[in-house]
Amino acid sequence: MKKKEHDGILKLDVFTYSTMMKVFAEAKMWKMASNIKDDMRAVGARLNLVTWSSLINAYANSGLVDGAIEILEEMIRDGCQPTAPCFNIILTALVKSCQYDRAFRLFNSWIEFGIKVSLSLEQKGSLPDNFTFCEEHPGTNGGTILVVPFRPTVTTYNILMMACGTNDERAKSVMNEMKRNGLCPDRISWSILMDIYGTSKNRNGAIQALRRMQRVGIKLNVSAYTVAIKGM
């Protein structure tokens, strides 16, 4: 494919590359996804948010969390602003592999310190004007260290709630933190909480969560009732 493109027989655009990257990410073929990145750079195509996210996902889905974090940092060096879903992909991978404590440690580190990335002067100069960072420090060899903020979403906190296992008090604490940060738990949040109450055999907790869910105006569906019944 690369040879055909080089010979002018096959023309690929960023959308096509992104689609291929998504396919490899879902198939946990991180090496193939990484090759797509190299191919794009070889022909002068710039990776966008979708392609970077898919590449992060490819590494994370393959259990290579450290590699996914490195791709996130490379994304920043390339001048592409990471969004919350990029961080969420990594947290989800940790939860799926039952690395719950590491998920919380990484989340807390991102919240407190952001993500620190070393850039050369050339990389810093090529960042778009709308690139957001909260701090900048002198780096080595005349470079710079940027601190890019992490802004969690409801989905982020839902992922953390799933990392609570059967600890319903911790899950409730995560939901309260979500509220303190100005975010409103959605139906998924409440369903996760009720499911944890059910798993921990906390019948009263499941009933109270169901009632609170009704009071805040979230319409109950069959799934919500099923989860609640399991907790009773």
Foldseek 3Di string as FASTA:
>chain_A
DLVCVVVVNDDDAQVNLLVVLQVLLVVLNLVVLVVSVVSCVVVPHQHAQSSLLSNLSSCLVNVNLVVSVVSVLVCVLSQYAHAQSSVLSSLLSCLVVLVLVVSVVVVVCLQVFADKHKYAPVSVVPHDPPHDFDDKAQDPPRTIITGRHHDHALSSLLSNLSSCALVLVVLVVSQVVCVVVPYHHAPSSLLSSLLSLLVNLVLVSLVVSVVVCVVVPHDDDPSSVVSSVSSD
